[in-house]
Amino acid sequence: MTLTLTSQAFRQSGEIPVQHTCEGANVSPPLAWSGVPANAKSLALIVDDPDAPDPDAPRMTWVHWVLYNIPPTATGLPDGADAQPLPGGTLEGTNDFKRAGYGGPCPPVGRHRYFHKLYALDTVLPDLKSPSKAALEKAMHGHVLTQAELIGTYQKR
């Protein structure tokens, strides 16, 4: 079985609805997954934008959300999960808005791509004390069983 990641809010490479952006309510989109390997001990989710600040001249990858130690029995996150209790044991990292939680798309120019990456891990990670994306990726190194990716796009109105 292959790990898959989907959203009821947008299709693969489709436009992310405004309610999930800085021009709307800025709440996380609903996400659903299936095909978690039986030997997975936890899941991690990273949402980032490799097109910052300008898709025609990207200079950095902007991190929008960092979650880890999501229980492998979880099958997704509801609409606005960032404003609700997360699945038991789930820990959050720090995004590039310098805070924990979801920060929606808010591209300064052009249409950006937002990569929602779900990782199945063979371990439960220690408390990394609100890690950056880089720190989480370092901790996950050698523990990724499989991963799935969902890409959404957004351009300010």
Protein backbone atom coordinates (compact mmCIF):
# COMPACT_ATOMS: atom_id res chain seq x y z
CA MET A 1 0.00 0.00 0.00
CA THR A 2 1.29 3.47 -0.92
CA LEU A 3 1.11 6.45 1.44
CA THR A 4 -1.23 9.05 -0.04
CA LEU A 5 -2.08 12.59 1.05
CA THR A 6 -5.18 14.46 -0.12
CA SER A 7 -7.37 17.41 0.80
CA GLN A 8 -11.08 18.05 0.35
CA ALA A 9 -10.20 21.74 -0.07
CA PHE A 10 -8.03 21.44 -3.22
CA ARG A 11 -6.82 18.82 -5.67
CA GLN A 12 -3.19 18.02 -6.54
CA SER A 13 -1.66 21.20 -8.07
CA GLY A 14 -4.98 23.00 -7.60
CA GLU A 15 -5.63 26.38 -6.03
CA ILE A 16 -5.78 26.57 -2.25
CA PRO A 17 -9.07 28.25 -1.21
CA VAL A 18 -8.76 31.78 0.16
CA GLN A 19 -10.01 30.76 3.64
CA HIS A 20 -6.71 28.89 4.12
CA THR A 21 -4.60 31.98 3.30
CA CYS A 22 -3.69 35.35 4.82
CA GLU A 23 -6.47 36.90 2.73
CA GLY A 24 -9.05 34.70 4.47
CA ALA A 25 -9.41 33.08 7.88
CA ASN A 26 -5.83 31.73 7.62
CA VAL A 27 -6.83 28.29 8.93
CA SER A 28 -5.17 25.05 7.91
CA PRO A 29 -6.86 23.03 5.15
CA PRO A 30 -8.32 19.61 5.87
CA LEU A 31 -5.85 16.84 5.10
CA ALA A 32 -6.46 13.10 4.81
CA TRP A 33 -4.03 10.25 4.37
CA SER A 34 -4.02 6.52 3.92
CA GLY A 35 -1.49 3.76 3.39
CA VAL A 36 0.51 4.37 6.58
CA PRO A 37 2.93 1.44 6.87
CA ALA A 38 2.08 -1.03 9.66
CA ASN A 39 5.53 -0.53 11.19
CA ALA A 40 5.25 3.29 11.36
CA LYS A 41 5.61 4.65 14.88
CA SER A 42 4.78 8.29 14.06
CA LEU A 43 4.09 10.75 11.26
CA ALA A 44 5.49 14.20 10.51
CA LEU A 45 4.06 16.98 8.35
CA ILE A 46 5.94 19.88 6.78
CA VAL A 47 4.23 22.55 4.67
CA ASP A 48 6.55 24.85 2.75
CA ASP A 49 6.83 27.17 -0.26
CA PRO A 50 9.98 26.83 -2.41
CA ASP A 51 9.00 29.84 -4.55
CA ALA A 52 9.67 32.60 -2.00
CA PRO A 53 9.69 35.48 -2.41
CA ASP A 54 9.13 35.48 -6.19
CA PRO A 55 8.49 32.34 -8.29
CA ASP A 56 10.50 33.92 -11.13
CA ALA A 57 13.48 34.45 -8.80
CA PRO A 58 13.11 32.17 -5.75
CA ARG A 59 15.65 32.81 -3.00
CA MET A 60 14.40 30.60 -0.16
CA THR A 61 11.91 28.00 0.94
CA TRP A 62 9.36 29.56 3.32
CA VAL A 63 8.09 27.17 6.01
CA HIS A 64 4.37 27.37 6.84
CA TRP A 65 3.79 24.48 9.26
CA VAL A 66 5.84 21.86 11.12
CA LEU A 67 4.20 18.94 12.98
CA TYR A 68 5.73 15.73 14.26
CA ASN A 69 4.92 12.70 16.42
CA ILE A 70 1.47 12.54 14.85
CA PRO A 71 0.11 9.11 15.90
CA PRO A 72 0.28 6.59 13.02
CA THR A 73 -3.37 5.70 13.74
CA ALA A 74 -4.47 9.24 12.76
CA THR A 75 -6.03 9.42 9.30
CA GLY A 76 -5.89 13.17 8.79
CA LEU A 77 -6.37 16.64 10.18
CA PRO A 78 -9.69 18.51 10.02
CA ASP A 79 -10.29 21.94 8.51
CA GLY A 80 -8.77 24.47 10.92
CA ALA A 81 -6.79 21.80 12.81
CA ASP A 82 -4.33 24.45 13.92
CA ALA A 83 -7.08 26.05 16.05
CA GLN A 84 -8.15 22.75 17.67
CA PRO A 85 -6.40 20.16 19.82
CA LEU A 86 -4.08 18.13 17.60
CA PRO A 87 -4.05 14.31 17.74
CA GLY A 88 -2.65 13.10 21.08
CA GLY A 89 1.13 13.26 21.27
CA THR A 90 1.50 15.55 18.26
CA LEU A 91 4.15 18.23 18.70
CA GLU A 92 4.66 21.44 16.73
CA GLY A 93 7.73 23.08 15.36
CA THR A 94 8.40 26.71 14.48
CA ASN A 95 7.44 28.08 11.08
CA ASP A 96 9.10 30.99 9.27
CA PHE A 97 6.54 33.35 10.81
CA LYS A 98 8.58 32.65 13.99
CA ARG A 99 5.76 30.84 15.78
CA ALA A 100 4.19 27.42 16.16
CA GLY A 101 1.06 26.61 14.19
CA TYR A 102 -0.11 27.04 10.65
CA GLY A 103 0.65 30.17 8.67
CA GLY A 104 -1.27 30.23 5.42
CA PRO A 105 -0.11 31.25 1.97
CA CYS A 106 0.59 34.97 1.64
CA PRO A 107 2.80 35.31 -1.43
CA PRO A 108 4.14 38.83 -2.08
CA VAL A 109 4.14 38.33 -5.86
CA GLY A 110 3.10 35.67 -8.36
CA ARG A 111 1.60 32.19 -8.02
CA HIS A 112 3.45 30.06 -5.48
CA ARG A 113 3.44 26.32 -4.88
CA TYR A 114 2.80 24.98 -1.38
CA PHE A 115 4.17 21.52 -0.67
CA HIS A 116 2.37 19.50 2.02
CA LYS A 117 4.77 16.66 2.85
CA LEU A 118 3.77 13.76 5.08
CA TYR A 119 6.43 11.38 6.38
CA ALA A 120 5.92 7.97 8.01
CA LEU A 121 8.69 7.33 10.54
CA ASP A 122 9.96 4.17 12.20
CA THR A 123 10.29 5.97 15.55
CA VAL A 124 8.64 8.46 17.88
CA LEU A 125 10.98 11.43 18.03
CA PRO A 126 12.04 13.00 21.33
CA ASP A 127 10.63 16.41 22.25
CA LEU A 128 12.70 18.66 19.98
CA LYS A 129 11.48 21.85 21.73
CA SER A 130 9.67 23.57 18.83
CA PRO A 131 12.14 22.66 16.09
CA SER A 132 12.67 24.43 12.79
CA LYS A 133 12.05 22.46 9.61
CA ALA A 134 15.82 21.86 9.31
CA ALA A 135 16.05 20.53 12.88
CA LEU A 136 13.08 18.21 12.32
CA GLU A 137 14.53 16.93 9.04
CA LYS A 138 17.83 16.24 10.81
CA ALA A 139 16.02 14.31 13.58
CA MET A 140 14.04 12.34 10.96
CA HIS A 141 17.16 11.38 8.98
CA GLY A 142 17.40 7.60 8.71
CA HIS A 143 13.88 7.10 10.10
CA VAL A 144 11.68 7.84 7.06
CA LEU A 145 9.84 4.73 5.90
CA THR A 146 7.92 6.49 3.13
CA GLN A 147 6.45 9.88 2.29
CA ALA A 148 3.60 11.48 0.37
CA GLU A 149 3.21 14.94 -1.11
CA LEU A 150 0.29 17.20 -1.96
CA ILE A 151 0.93 20.47 -3.80
CA GLY A 152 -1.45 23.42 -3.79
CA THR A 153 -0.99 26.82 -5.40
CA TYR A 154 -1.97 30.34 -4.49
CA GLN A 155 -1.68 33.86 -5.85
CA LYS A 156 -2.93 36.90 -3.96
CA ARG A 157 -6.07 38.56 -5.29
